[in-house]
Amino acid sequence: MNNVSTDRATPTLTTGTVNPLRELLRAMRPRQWVKNAFVFAALAFSEDRLWQFWGEAGPGPLLRVIGAFIAFSMAASAIYLVNDLVDIEKDRAHPKKRERPFASGRLDPRIGIAAAAVLMLAIIPLAIVLDRDPPPAPLDLDFLGVLVLYIVIQGFLYTYWLKNVVIFDILVLAAGFVLRAVAGAAVLDIEITPWLLLCMLLLALFLGIGKRRHELTLLEQGAGEHRRILQEYSVPMLDQMMSIVTASIIMAYSITAFLAPVAPQEPYPMLMMTIPFVIYAIFRYLYLIYQRGEGGAPEDLLLRDRPLASSVVLWGITVLGVLFFF
């Protein structure tokens, strides 16, 4: 990690004593863990309804996916620590990111390096345990393979190279969401429908484009100083990309709802009932981007904006209701 400086940043003025553990937890960004809920997609839409822990499969599948969620949260936190250490100088030029623990000087970079190493080392045995099936089944390392691929792409290729390649910077972030869903299927040794993966890819692109647009409008003329790749984008270009992806999400999810083998198809595809919630959530997010100037932190919006959160919760309840009662 030759790009990481272990020198202390100039501390900002703070009141009281700085708690290193609290600052480390902030740097690990636990709010971002909500993104790892994508690992539950394969479980929720499994044809054998493995999420019914009271059924024949028992609680095992659910517990394995929860373990996968924990593993991806650990991996994501380690990657965030590395990213913040690499971008420490750039973050100091950002009006909001300058308050991050490393950029503000409240957390020693050496603590971040040590924490990232510990998290990475702890992930491997956890993934092997999750991959292990009861004897005499042979040990397969499907989940570990997907997790390692995620770490390599997001933690190394993106951090040191791809985040500076136009369009690829957004595509790679979107690929991370798809890998989460694939990992959820791998840990259960089941397949996941390609249409569902496409929906997740498009949703991730939607969120990624919105985030780039927010950074561009927030930083204005100083955007390139904070993130060099922002010089390659313009607001009209991102708006055009957003329009394409928005329409694609609605179409892809509608087709997924029509064709989902896990849901009843008679007298009509029952998952159709969930489409209005998806449309509203997308339109609400667009409203927050274009009218409220939001979009920089999708996980914060989901937790903070009640109409958006309500639509997501109602979508989830409706999906589970359809799968449970029909």
C-alpha atoms as a PDB file:
ATOM      1  CA  MET A   1       0.000   0.000   0.000  1.00  0.00           C
ATOM      2  CA  ASN A   2       2.593   2.471  -1.101  1.00  0.00           C
ATOM      3  CA  ASN A   3       0.004   5.202  -1.714  1.00  0.00           C
ATOM      4  CA  VAL A   4      -0.984   5.306   1.933  1.00  0.00           C
ATOM      5  CA  SER A   5       0.596   7.827   4.214  1.00  0.00           C
ATOM      6  CA  THR A   6       0.899   6.917   7.874  1.00  0.00           C
ATOM      7  CA  ASP A   7       1.543  10.501   8.887  1.00  0.00           C
ATOM      8  CA  ARG A   8      -1.136  12.128  10.969  1.00  0.00           C
ATOM      9  CA  ALA A   9      -3.360  14.579   9.206  1.00  0.00           C
ATOM     10  CA  THR A  10      -3.733  18.009  10.717  1.00  0.00           C
ATOM     11  CA  PRO A  11      -6.551  17.564  13.249  1.00  0.00           C
ATOM     12  CA  THR A  12      -9.654  19.681  13.004  1.00  0.00           C
ATOM     13  CA  LEU A  13     -10.889  21.497  16.084  1.00  0.00           C
ATOM     14  CA  THR A  14     -12.916  19.132  18.234  1.00  0.00           C
ATOM     15  CA  THR A  15     -14.551  19.397  21.608  1.00  0.00           C
ATOM     16  CA  GLY A  16     -13.604  16.725  24.111  1.00  0.00           C
ATOM     17  CA  THR A  17     -11.379  13.705  23.774  1.00  0.00           C
ATOM     18  CA  VAL A  18     -11.414  11.717  20.533  1.00  0.00           C
ATOM     19  CA  ASN A  19     -12.448   8.078  20.958  1.00  0.00           C
ATOM     20  CA  PRO A  20     -10.351   5.976  18.504  1.00  0.00           C
ATOM     21  CA  LEU A  21     -12.776   3.028  18.601  1.00  0.00           C
ATOM     22  CA  ARG A  22     -15.714   5.267  17.795  1.00  0.00           C
ATOM     23  CA  GLU A  23     -13.817   6.938  14.964  1.00  0.00           C
ATOM     24  CA  LEU A  24     -12.726   3.538  13.623  1.00  0.00           C
ATOM     25  CA  LEU A  25     -16.335   2.379  13.601  1.00  0.00           C
ATOM     26  CA  ARG A  26     -17.288   5.542  11.713  1.00  0.00           C
ATOM     27  CA  ALA A  27     -14.531   4.875   9.187  1.00  0.00           C
ATOM     28  CA  MET A  28     -15.873   1.341   8.707  1.00  0.00           C
ATOM     29  CA  ARG A  29     -19.202   2.920   7.641  1.00  0.00           C
ATOM     30  CA  PRO A  30     -21.751   0.557   9.186  1.00  0.00           C
ATOM     31  CA  ARG A  31     -24.565   2.416   7.400  1.00  0.00           C
ATOM     32  CA  GLN A  32     -23.150   1.115   4.139  1.00  0.00           C
ATOM     33  CA  TRP A  33     -23.765  -2.449   5.288  1.00  0.00           C
ATOM     34  CA  VAL A  34     -27.359  -2.083   4.132  1.00  0.00           C
ATOM     35  CA  LYS A  35     -26.015  -2.604   0.586  1.00  0.00           C
ATOM     36  CA  ASN A  36     -25.045  -6.132   1.563  1.00  0.00           C
ATOM     37  CA  ALA A  37     -28.732  -7.028   1.904  1.00  0.00           C
ATOM     38  CA  PHE A  38     -28.412  -8.014  -1.775  1.00  0.00           C
ATOM     39  CA  VAL A  39     -27.022 -11.362  -0.552  1.00  0.00           C
ATOM     40  CA  PHE A  40     -30.555 -12.221   0.622  1.00  0.00           C
ATOM     41  CA  ALA A  41     -32.004 -11.959  -2.905  1.00  0.00           C
ATOM     42  CA  ALA A  42     -31.334 -15.573  -3.886  1.00  0.00           C
ATOM     43  CA  LEU A  43     -32.794 -16.800  -0.586  1.00  0.00           C
ATOM     44  CA  ALA A  44     -35.933 -14.668  -0.908  1.00  0.00           C
ATOM     45  CA  PHE A  45     -36.602 -15.755  -4.496  1.00  0.00           C
ATOM     46  CA  SER A  46     -35.474 -19.391  -4.179  1.00  0.00           C
ATOM     47  CA  GLU A  47     -37.873 -21.850  -5.811  1.00  0.00           C
ATOM     48  CA  ASP A  48     -37.737 -24.113  -2.745  1.00  0.00           C
ATOM     49  CA  ARG A  49     -38.603 -21.131  -0.515  1.00  0.00           C
ATOM     50  CA  LEU A  50     -35.566 -21.710   1.662  1.00  0.00           C
ATOM     51  CA  TRP A  51     -36.361 -18.587   3.658  1.00  0.00           C
ATOM     52  CA  GLN A  52     -39.109 -20.546   5.422  1.00  0.00           C
ATOM     53  CA  PHE A  53     -36.895 -21.541   8.346  1.00  0.00           C
ATOM     54  CA  TRP A  54     -39.766 -23.474   9.903  1.00  0.00           C
ATOM     55  CA  GLY A  55     -39.977 -25.729   6.833  1.00  0.00           C
ATOM     56  CA  GLU A  56     -38.118 -28.849   5.751  1.00  0.00           C
ATOM     57  CA  ALA A  57     -34.812 -27.013   5.143  1.00  0.00           C
ATOM     58  CA  GLY A  58     -34.825 -25.605   8.676  1.00  0.00           C
ATOM     59  CA  PRO A  59     -32.975 -22.438   9.723  1.00  0.00           C
ATOM     60  CA  GLY A  60     -29.699 -23.515   8.077  1.00  0.00           C
ATOM     61  CA  PRO A  61     -30.111 -21.593   4.763  1.00  0.00           C
ATOM     62  CA  LEU A  62     -31.141 -18.399   6.544  1.00  0.00           C
ATOM     63  CA  LEU A  63     -28.234 -18.646   8.982  1.00  0.00           C
ATOM     64  CA  ARG A  64     -25.773 -19.200   6.119  1.00  0.00           C
ATOM     65  CA  VAL A  65     -26.989 -16.116   4.294  1.00  0.00           C
ATOM     66  CA  ILE A  66     -26.758 -14.087   7.501  1.00  0.00           C
ATOM     67  CA  GLY A  67     -23.167 -15.320   7.740  1.00  0.00           C
ATOM     68  CA  ALA A  68     -22.610 -14.207   4.137  1.00  0.00           C
ATOM     69  CA  PHE A  69     -24.020 -10.785   5.033  1.00  0.00           C
ATOM     70  CA  ILE A  70     -21.544 -10.522   7.913  1.00  0.00           C
ATOM     71  CA  ALA A  71     -18.640 -11.619   5.687  1.00  0.00           C
ATOM     72  CA  PHE A  72     -19.472  -9.021   3.027  1.00  0.00           C
ATOM     73  CA  SER A  73     -19.902  -6.331   5.686  1.00  0.00           C
ATOM     74  CA  MET A  74     -16.423  -7.123   7.007  1.00  0.00           C
ATOM     75  CA  ALA A  75     -14.991  -7.067   3.475  1.00  0.00           C
ATOM     76  CA  ALA A  76     -16.764  -3.797   2.635  1.00  0.00           C
ATOM     77  CA  SER A  77     -15.496  -2.131   5.813  1.00  0.00           C
ATOM     78  CA  ALA A  78     -11.919  -3.219   5.072  1.00  0.00           C
ATOM     79  CA  ILE A  79     -12.239  -1.811   1.541  1.00  0.00           C
ATOM     80  CA  TYR A  80     -13.653   1.481   2.851  1.00  0.00           C
ATOM     81  CA  LEU A  81     -10.711   1.798   5.219  1.00  0.00           C
ATOM     82  CA  VAL A  82      -8.246   1.230   2.371  1.00  0.00           C
ATOM     83  CA  ASN A  83     -10.099   3.662   0.089  1.00  0.00           C
ATOM     84  CA  ASP A  84     -10.134   6.392   2.722  1.00  0.00           C
ATOM     85  CA  LEU A  85      -6.438   5.917   3.404  1.00  0.00           C
ATOM     86  CA  VAL A  86      -5.584   6.121  -0.296  1.00  0.00           C
ATOM     87  CA  ASP A  87      -7.831   9.174  -0.837  1.00  0.00           C
ATOM     88  CA  ILE A  88      -6.969  10.981   2.388  1.00  0.00           C
ATOM     89  CA  GLU A  89      -5.585  14.078   0.637  1.00  0.00           C
ATOM     90  CA  LYS A  90      -8.421  14.238  -1.905  1.00  0.00           C
ATOM     91  CA  ASP A  91     -11.026  13.932   0.846  1.00  0.00           C
ATOM     92  CA  ARG A  92      -9.591  17.008   2.524  1.00  0.00           C
ATOM     93  CA  ALA A  93     -10.619  19.012  -0.553  1.00  0.00           C
ATOM     94  CA  HIS A  94     -14.227  17.765  -0.321  1.00  0.00           C
ATOM     95  CA  PRO A  95     -16.743  19.886   1.654  1.00  0.00           C
ATOM     96  CA  LYS A  96     -18.241  16.814   3.355  1.00  0.00           C
ATOM     97  CA  LYS A  97     -15.601  14.098   3.147  1.00  0.00           C
ATOM     98  CA  ARG A  98     -13.071  16.332   4.901  1.00  0.00           C
ATOM     99  CA  GLU A  99     -14.880  15.391   8.125  1.00  0.00           C
ATOM    100  CA  ARG A 100     -14.115  11.689   7.718  1.00  0.00           C
ATOM    101  CA  PRO A 101     -11.961  10.253  10.540  1.00  0.00           C
ATOM    102  CA  PHE A 102      -8.717   9.963   8.538  1.00  0.00           C
ATOM    103  CA  ALA A 103      -9.062  13.178   6.533  1.00  0.00           C
ATOM    104  CA  SER A 104      -9.904  15.199   9.639  1.00  0.00           C
ATOM    105  CA  GLY A 105      -6.977  13.759  11.612  1.00  0.00           C
ATOM    106  CA  ARG A 106      -9.150  12.245  14.340  1.00  0.00           C
ATOM    107  CA  LEU A 107      -7.985   8.693  13.536  1.00  0.00           C
ATOM    108  CA  ASP A 108      -4.396   7.527  13.112  1.00  0.00           C
ATOM    109  CA  PRO A 109      -3.938   5.900   9.656  1.00  0.00           C
ATOM    110  CA  ARG A 110      -1.926   3.115  11.277  1.00  0.00           C
ATOM    111  CA  ILE A 111      -5.048   2.012  13.152  1.00  0.00           C
ATOM    112  CA  GLY A 112      -6.923   1.850   9.851  1.00  0.00           C
ATOM    113  CA  ILE A 113      -4.207  -0.252   8.218  1.00  0.00           C
ATOM    114  CA  ALA A 114      -4.215  -2.702  11.123  1.00  0.00           C
ATOM    115  CA  ALA A 115      -8.019  -2.938  11.216  1.00  0.00           C
ATOM    116  CA  ALA A 116      -8.249  -3.548   7.453  1.00  0.00           C
ATOM    117  CA  ALA A 117      -5.662  -6.335   7.700  1.00  0.00           C
ATOM    118  CA  VAL A 118      -7.475  -8.014  10.590  1.00  0.00           C
ATOM    119  CA  LEU A 119     -10.812  -7.881   8.779  1.00  0.00           C
ATOM    120  CA  MET A 120      -9.342  -9.343   5.592  1.00  0.00           C
ATOM    121  CA  LEU A 121      -7.668 -12.183   7.472  1.00  0.00           C
ATOM    122  CA  ALA A 122     -10.827 -13.002   9.446  1.00  0.00           C
ATOM    123  CA  ILE A 123     -12.971 -13.225   6.317  1.00  0.00           C
ATOM    124  CA  ILE A 124     -11.222 -16.288   4.852  1.00  0.00           C
ATOM    125  CA  PRO A 125     -11.951 -18.820   7.640  1.00  0.00           C
ATOM    126  CA  LEU A 126     -15.510 -17.490   7.930  1.00  0.00           C
ATOM    127  CA  ALA A 127     -16.098 -18.008   4.206  1.00  0.00           C
ATOM    128  CA  ILE A 128     -14.670 -21.551   4.372  1.00  0.00           C
ATOM    129  CA  VAL A 129     -17.041 -22.399   7.229  1.00  0.00           C
ATOM    130  CA  LEU A 130     -19.996 -21.061   5.238  1.00  0.00           C
ATOM    131  CA  ASP A 131     -18.947 -23.103   2.205  1.00  0.00           C
ATOM    132  CA  ARG A 132     -18.759 -26.353   4.186  1.00  0.00           C
ATOM    133  CA  ASP A 133     -21.698 -28.735   3.715  1.00  0.00           C
ATOM    134  CA  PRO A 134     -22.468 -31.593   6.093  1.00  0.00           C
ATOM    135  CA  PRO A 135     -20.425 -34.769   5.393  1.00  0.00           C
ATOM    136  CA  PRO A 136     -20.075 -36.655   3.136  1.00  0.00           C
ATOM    137  CA  ALA A 137     -20.562 -33.700   0.776  1.00  0.00           C
ATOM    138  CA  PRO A 138     -17.234 -32.458  -0.639  1.00  0.00           C
ATOM    139  CA  LEU A 139     -15.988 -29.016   0.317  1.00  0.00           C
ATOM    140  CA  ASP A 140     -16.643 -26.458  -2.382  1.00  0.00           C
ATOM    141  CA  LEU A 141     -15.361 -22.921  -2.179  1.00  0.00           C
ATOM    142  CA  ASP A 142     -17.928 -21.167  -4.378  1.00  0.00           C
ATOM    143  CA  PHE A 143     -18.781 -18.507  -1.831  1.00  0.00           C
ATOM    144  CA  LEU A 144     -15.131 -17.896  -0.964  1.00  0.00           C
ATOM    145  CA  GLY A 145     -14.341 -17.526  -4.669  1.00  0.00           C
ATOM    146  CA  VAL A 146     -17.058 -14.895  -5.174  1.00  0.00           C
ATOM    147  CA  LEU A 147     -16.005 -13.050  -2.020  1.00  0.00           C
ATOM    148  CA  VAL A 148     -12.356 -12.980  -3.079  1.00  0.00           C
ATOM    149  CA  LEU A 149     -13.379 -11.763  -6.548  1.00  0.00           C
ATOM    150  CA  TYR A 150     -15.393  -8.981  -4.916  1.00  0.00           C
ATOM    151  CA  ILE A 151     -12.415  -7.945  -2.785  1.00  0.00           C
ATOM    152  CA  VAL A 152     -10.023  -8.001  -5.745  1.00  0.00           C
ATOM    153  CA  ILE A 153     -12.323  -5.938  -7.969  1.00  0.00           C
ATOM    154  CA  GLN A 154     -13.634  -3.477  -5.385  1.00  0.00           C
ATOM    155  CA  GLY A 155     -10.661  -3.303  -3.066  1.00  0.00           C
ATOM    156  CA  PHE A 156      -7.747  -3.309  -5.477  1.00  0.00           C
ATOM    157  CA  LEU A 157      -8.688  -2.883  -9.154  1.00  0.00           C
ATOM    158  CA  TYR A 158     -11.192  -0.131  -8.366  1.00  0.00           C
ATOM    159  CA  THR A 159      -9.148   1.601  -5.670  1.00  0.00           C
ATOM    160  CA  TYR A 160      -5.915   1.775  -7.638  1.00  0.00           C
ATOM    161  CA  TRP A 161      -7.069   1.825 -11.264  1.00  0.00           C
ATOM    162  CA  LEU A 162     -10.674   1.504 -12.407  1.00  0.00           C
ATOM    163  CA  LYS A 163     -12.054   4.407 -10.394  1.00  0.00           C
ATOM    164  CA  ASN A 164     -10.078   6.645 -12.751  1.00  0.00           C
ATOM    165  CA  VAL A 165     -11.457   5.054 -15.945  1.00  0.00           C
ATOM    166  CA  VAL A 166     -14.570   6.803 -17.237  1.00  0.00           C
ATOM    167  CA  ILE A 167     -17.782   4.714 -17.231  1.00  0.00           C
ATOM    168  CA  PHE A 168     -15.883   1.732 -15.840  1.00  0.00           C
ATOM    169  CA  ASP A 169     -15.842   3.502 -12.472  1.00  0.00           C
ATOM    170  CA  ILE A 170     -19.648   3.263 -12.368  1.00  0.00           C
ATOM    171  CA  LEU A 171     -19.850  -0.210 -13.909  1.00  0.00           C
ATOM    172  CA  VAL A 172     -17.412  -1.682 -11.395  1.00  0.00           C
ATOM    173  CA  LEU A 173     -19.394  -0.332  -8.462  1.00  0.00           C
ATOM    174  CA  ALA A 174     -22.553  -1.815  -9.981  1.00  0.00           C
ATOM    175  CA  ALA A 175     -20.784  -5.139 -10.447  1.00  0.00           C
ATOM    176  CA  GLY A 176     -20.218  -5.215  -6.701  1.00  0.00           C
ATOM    177  CA  PHE A 177     -23.962  -5.417  -6.109  1.00  0.00           C
ATOM    178  CA  VAL A 178     -24.312  -8.242  -8.607  1.00  0.00           C
ATOM    179  CA  LEU A 179     -21.488 -10.145  -6.927  1.00  0.00           C
ATOM    180  CA  ARG A 180     -23.299  -9.802  -3.604  1.00  0.00           C
ATOM    181  CA  ALA A 181     -26.378 -11.449  -5.101  1.00  0.00           C
ATOM    182  CA  VAL A 182     -24.290 -14.177  -6.753  1.00  0.00           C
ATOM    183  CA  ALA A 183     -22.575 -14.823  -3.413  1.00  0.00           C
ATOM    184  CA  GLY A 184     -25.963 -15.266  -1.754  1.00  0.00           C
ATOM    185  CA  ALA A 185     -26.773 -17.977  -4.283  1.00  0.00           C
ATOM    186  CA  ALA A 186     -23.308 -19.546  -4.024  1.00  0.00           C
ATOM    187  CA  VAL A 187     -23.482 -19.936  -0.251  1.00  0.00           C
ATOM    188  CA  LEU A 188     -26.742 -21.874  -0.704  1.00  0.00           C
ATOM    189  CA  ASP A 189     -25.605 -23.789  -3.799  1.00  0.00           C
ATOM    190  CA  ILE A 190     -28.657 -22.645  -5.766  1.00  0.00           C
ATOM    191  CA  GLU A 191     -29.198 -20.733  -9.008  1.00  0.00           C
ATOM    192  CA  ILE A 192     -30.457 -17.182  -9.328  1.00  0.00           C
ATOM    193  CA  THR A 193     -32.530 -15.966 -12.264  1.00  0.00           C
ATOM    194  CA  PRO A 194     -30.618 -13.800 -14.766  1.00  0.00           C
ATOM    195  CA  TRP A 195     -33.490 -11.307 -14.830  1.00  0.00           C
ATOM    196  CA  LEU A 196     -33.076 -10.693 -11.108  1.00  0.00           C
ATOM    197  CA  LEU A 197     -29.348 -10.139 -11.579  1.00  0.00           C
ATOM    198  CA  LEU A 198     -30.098  -7.686 -14.375  1.00  0.00           C
ATOM    199  CA  CYS A 199     -32.466  -5.774 -12.093  1.00  0.00           C
ATOM    200  CA  MET A 200     -29.760  -5.497  -9.469  1.00  0.00           C
ATOM    201  CA  LEU A 201     -27.186  -4.363 -12.009  1.00  0.00           C
ATOM    202  CA  LEU A 202     -29.513  -1.649 -13.322  1.00  0.00           C
ATOM    203  CA  LEU A 203     -30.475  -0.534  -9.820  1.00  0.00           C
ATOM    204  CA  ALA A 204     -26.812  -0.253  -8.869  1.00  0.00           C
ATOM    205  CA  LEU A 205     -26.115   1.770 -12.035  1.00  0.00           C
ATOM    206  CA  PHE A 206     -29.058   4.021 -11.160  1.00  0.00           C
ATOM    207  CA  LEU A 207     -27.642   4.700  -7.691  1.00  0.00           C
ATOM    208  CA  GLY A 208     -24.087   5.087  -8.990  1.00  0.00           C
ATOM    209  CA  ILE A 209     -25.039   7.603 -11.678  1.00  0.00           C
ATOM    210  CA  GLY A 210     -27.053   9.564  -9.121  1.00  0.00           C
ATOM    211  CA  LYS A 211     -24.047   9.642  -6.808  1.00  0.00           C
ATOM    212  CA  ARG A 212     -21.728  10.882  -9.577  1.00  0.00           C
ATOM    213  CA  ARG A 213     -24.234  13.591 -10.482  1.00  0.00           C
ATOM    214  CA  HIS A 214     -24.462  14.722  -6.872  1.00  0.00           C
ATOM    215  CA  GLU A 215     -20.663  14.952  -6.592  1.00  0.00           C
ATOM    216  CA  LEU A 216     -20.451  16.905  -9.829  1.00  0.00           C
ATOM    217  CA  THR A 217     -23.089  19.457  -8.839  1.00  0.00           C
ATOM    218  CA  LEU A 218     -21.856  19.735  -5.233  1.00  0.00           C
ATOM    219  CA  LEU A 219     -18.218  20.385  -6.096  1.00  0.00           C
ATOM    220  CA  GLU A 220     -18.891  22.344  -9.318  1.00  0.00           C
ATOM    221  CA  GLN A 221     -15.628  23.791 -10.640  1.00  0.00           C
ATOM    222  CA  GLY A 222     -13.545  22.001  -7.999  1.00  0.00           C
ATOM    223  CA  ALA A 223     -14.844  18.530  -8.883  1.00  0.00           C
ATOM    224  CA  GLY A 224     -11.683  17.515 -10.700  1.00  0.00           C
ATOM    225  CA  GLU A 225      -9.517  18.441  -7.733  1.00  0.00           C
ATOM    226  CA  HIS A 226     -11.360  16.004  -5.497  1.00  0.00           C
ATOM    227  CA  ARG A 227     -11.929  13.167  -7.973  1.00  0.00           C
ATOM    228  CA  ARG A 228     -10.111  13.322 -11.297  1.00  0.00           C
ATOM    229  CA  ILE A 229     -12.649  11.156 -13.082  1.00  0.00           C
ATOM    230  CA  LEU A 230     -15.375  13.774 -12.530  1.00  0.00           C
ATOM    231  CA  GLN A 231     -13.697  15.887 -15.229  1.00  0.00           C
ATOM    232  CA  GLU A 232     -14.817  13.245 -17.744  1.00  0.00           C
ATOM    233  CA  TYR A 233     -18.502  13.682 -16.885  1.00  0.00           C
ATOM    234  CA  SER A 234     -21.051  16.421 -17.338  1.00  0.00           C
ATOM    235  CA  VAL A 235     -24.508  16.856 -15.828  1.00  0.00           C
ATOM    236  CA  PRO A 236     -26.308  16.507 -19.217  1.00  0.00           C
ATOM    237  CA  MET A 237     -24.398  13.285 -19.935  1.00  0.00           C
ATOM    238  CA  LEU A 238     -25.285  11.807 -16.545  1.00  0.00           C
ATOM    239  CA  ASP A 239     -28.918  12.891 -16.947  1.00  0.00           C
ATOM    240  CA  GLN A 240     -29.084  11.033 -20.262  1.00  0.00           C
ATOM    241  CA  MET A 241     -27.583   7.920 -18.677  1.00  0.00           C
ATOM    242  CA  MET A 242     -30.051   8.223 -15.792  1.00  0.00           C
ATOM    243  CA  SER A 243     -33.008   8.346 -18.202  1.00  0.00           C
ATOM    244  CA  ILE A 244     -31.864   5.196 -19.991  1.00  0.00           C
ATOM    245  CA  VAL A 245     -31.258   3.255 -16.787  1.00  0.00           C
ATOM    246  CA  THR A 246     -34.524   4.398 -15.188  1.00  0.00           C
ATOM    247  CA  ALA A 247     -36.614   3.058 -18.050  1.00  0.00           C
ATOM    248  CA  SER A 248     -34.551  -0.123 -18.146  1.00  0.00           C
ATOM    249  CA  ILE A 249     -35.078  -0.816 -14.431  1.00  0.00           C
ATOM    250  CA  ILE A 250     -38.854  -0.614 -14.727  1.00  0.00           C
ATOM    251  CA  MET A 251     -38.916  -2.862 -17.782  1.00  0.00           C
ATOM    252  CA  ALA A 252     -36.474  -5.404 -16.342  1.00  0.00           C
ATOM    253  CA  TYR A 253     -38.270  -5.612 -13.007  1.00  0.00           C
ATOM    254  CA  SER A 254     -41.643  -5.957 -14.712  1.00  0.00           C
ATOM    255  CA  ILE A 255     -40.329  -8.872 -16.786  1.00  0.00           C
ATOM    256  CA  THR A 256     -38.836 -10.396 -13.631  1.00  0.00           C
ATOM    257  CA  ALA A 257     -42.214 -10.119 -11.893  1.00  0.00           C
ATOM    258  CA  PHE A 258     -43.990 -11.692 -14.891  1.00  0.00           C
ATOM    259  CA  LEU A 259     -41.585 -14.621 -15.251  1.00  0.00           C
ATOM    260  CA  ALA A 260     -40.441 -15.329 -11.679  1.00  0.00           C
ATOM    261  CA  PRO A 261     -40.758 -19.117 -11.261  1.00  0.00           C
ATOM    262  CA  VAL A 262     -41.009 -18.812  -7.480  1.00  0.00           C
ATOM    263  CA  ALA A 263     -44.303 -16.894  -7.630  1.00  0.00           C
ATOM    264  CA  PRO A 264     -47.730 -18.204  -8.722  1.00  0.00           C
ATOM    265  CA  GLN A 265     -48.593 -17.467 -12.351  1.00  0.00           C
ATOM    266  CA  GLU A 266     -52.333 -18.190 -12.132  1.00  0.00           C
ATOM    267  CA  PRO A 267     -54.702 -16.470 -12.576  1.00  0.00           C
ATOM    268  CA  TYR A 268     -51.984 -13.909 -13.344  1.00  0.00           C
ATOM    269  CA  PRO A 269     -48.374 -13.329 -12.261  1.00  0.00           C
ATOM    270  CA  MET A 270     -48.877 -12.412  -8.623  1.00  0.00           C
ATOM    271  CA  LEU A 271     -45.637 -10.442  -8.290  1.00  0.00           C
ATOM    272  CA  MET A 272     -47.185  -7.846 -10.601  1.00  0.00           C
ATOM    273  CA  MET A 273     -48.624  -6.359  -7.421  1.00  0.00           C
ATOM    274  CA  THR A 274     -45.136  -5.211  -6.430  1.00  0.00           C
ATOM    275  CA  ILE A 275     -44.453  -3.170  -9.576  1.00  0.00           C
ATOM    276  CA  PRO A 276     -46.188   0.042  -8.348  1.00  0.00           C
ATOM    277  CA  PHE A 277     -43.930   0.141  -5.271  1.00  0.00           C
ATOM    278  CA  VAL A 278     -40.848  -0.118  -7.487  1.00  0.00           C
ATOM    279  CA  ILE A 279     -42.050   2.652  -9.784  1.00  0.00           C
ATOM    280  CA  TYR A 280     -42.855   4.929  -6.850  1.00  0.00           C
ATOM    281  CA  ALA A 281     -39.487   4.306  -5.177  1.00  0.00           C
ATOM    282  CA  ILE A 282     -37.631   5.136  -8.382  1.00  0.00           C
ATOM    283  CA  PHE A 283     -39.657   8.284  -8.986  1.00  0.00           C
ATOM    284  CA  ARG A 284     -39.209   9.345  -5.361  1.00  0.00           C
ATOM    285  CA  TYR A 285     -35.453   8.896  -5.656  1.00  0.00           C
ATOM    286  CA  LEU A 286     -35.422  10.971  -8.846  1.00  0.00           C
ATOM    287  CA  TYR A 287     -37.360  13.665  -7.004  1.00  0.00           C
ATOM    288  CA  LEU A 288     -34.772  13.677  -4.230  1.00  0.00           C
ATOM    289  CA  ILE A 289     -31.955  13.948  -6.791  1.00  0.00           C
ATOM    290  CA  TYR A 290     -33.388  16.680  -9.001  1.00  0.00           C
ATOM    291  CA  GLN A 291     -35.487  18.706  -6.557  1.00  0.00           C
ATOM    292  CA  ARG A 292     -33.658  18.246  -3.265  1.00  0.00           C
ATOM    293  CA  GLY A 293     -30.081  17.944  -4.555  1.00  0.00           C
ATOM    294  CA  GLU A 294     -29.632  14.566  -2.837  1.00  0.00           C
ATOM    295  CA  GLY A 295     -28.170  11.297  -4.117  1.00  0.00           C
ATOM    296  CA  GLY A 296     -24.661  11.429  -2.684  1.00  0.00           C
ATOM    297  CA  ALA A 297     -25.371   8.773  -0.052  1.00  0.00           C
ATOM    298  CA  PRO A 298     -28.153   6.364  -1.117  1.00  0.00           C
ATOM    299  CA  GLU A 299     -27.991   4.443   2.170  1.00  0.00           C
ATOM    300  CA  ASP A 300     -28.615   7.657   4.132  1.00  0.00           C
ATOM    301  CA  LEU A 301     -31.564   8.546   1.927  1.00  0.00           C
ATOM    302  CA  LEU A 302     -33.090   5.118   2.451  1.00  0.00           C
ATOM    303  CA  LEU A 303     -32.825   5.499   6.223  1.00  0.00           C
ATOM    304  CA  ARG A 304     -33.786   9.192   6.338  1.00  0.00           C
ATOM    305  CA  ASP A 305     -36.513   9.714   3.719  1.00  0.00           C
ATOM    306  CA  ARG A 306     -39.738   8.228   5.056  1.00  0.00           C
ATOM    307  CA  PRO A 307     -41.659   7.977   1.765  1.00  0.00           C
ATOM    308  CA  LEU A 308     -38.734   6.193   0.097  1.00  0.00           C
ATOM    309  CA  ALA A 309     -38.190   3.880   3.065  1.00  0.00           C
ATOM    310  CA  SER A 310     -41.925   3.161   3.296  1.00  0.00           C
ATOM    311  CA  SER A 311     -42.135   2.180  -0.362  1.00  0.00           C
ATOM    312  CA  VAL A 312     -39.187  -0.225   0.037  1.00  0.00           C
ATOM    313  CA  VAL A 313     -40.689  -1.755   3.196  1.00  0.00           C
ATOM    314  CA  LEU A 314     -44.108  -2.140   1.564  1.00  0.00           C
ATOM    315  CA  TRP A 315     -42.459  -3.744  -1.479  1.00  0.00           C
ATOM    316  CA  GLY A 316     -40.713  -6.247   0.786  1.00  0.00           C
ATOM    317  CA  ILE A 317     -43.892  -7.028   2.731  1.00  0.00           C
ATOM    318  CA  THR A 318     -45.834  -7.525  -0.506  1.00  0.00           C
ATOM    319  CA  VAL A 319     -43.187  -9.839  -1.966  1.00  0.00           C
ATOM    320  CA  LEU A 320     -43.107 -11.957   1.187  1.00  0.00           C
ATOM    321  CA  GLY A 321     -46.911 -11.928   1.316  1.00  0.00           C
ATOM    322  CA  VAL A 322     -47.189 -13.190  -2.253  1.00  0.00           C
ATOM    323  CA  LEU A 323     -44.595 -15.897  -1.673  1.00  0.00           C
ATOM    324  CA  PHE A 324     -46.089 -16.952   1.645  1.00  0.00           C
ATOM    325  CA  PHE A 325     -49.824 -16.955   0.957  1.00  0.00           C
ATOM    326  CA  PHE A 326     -49.992 -17.978  -2.723  1.00  0.00           C
END
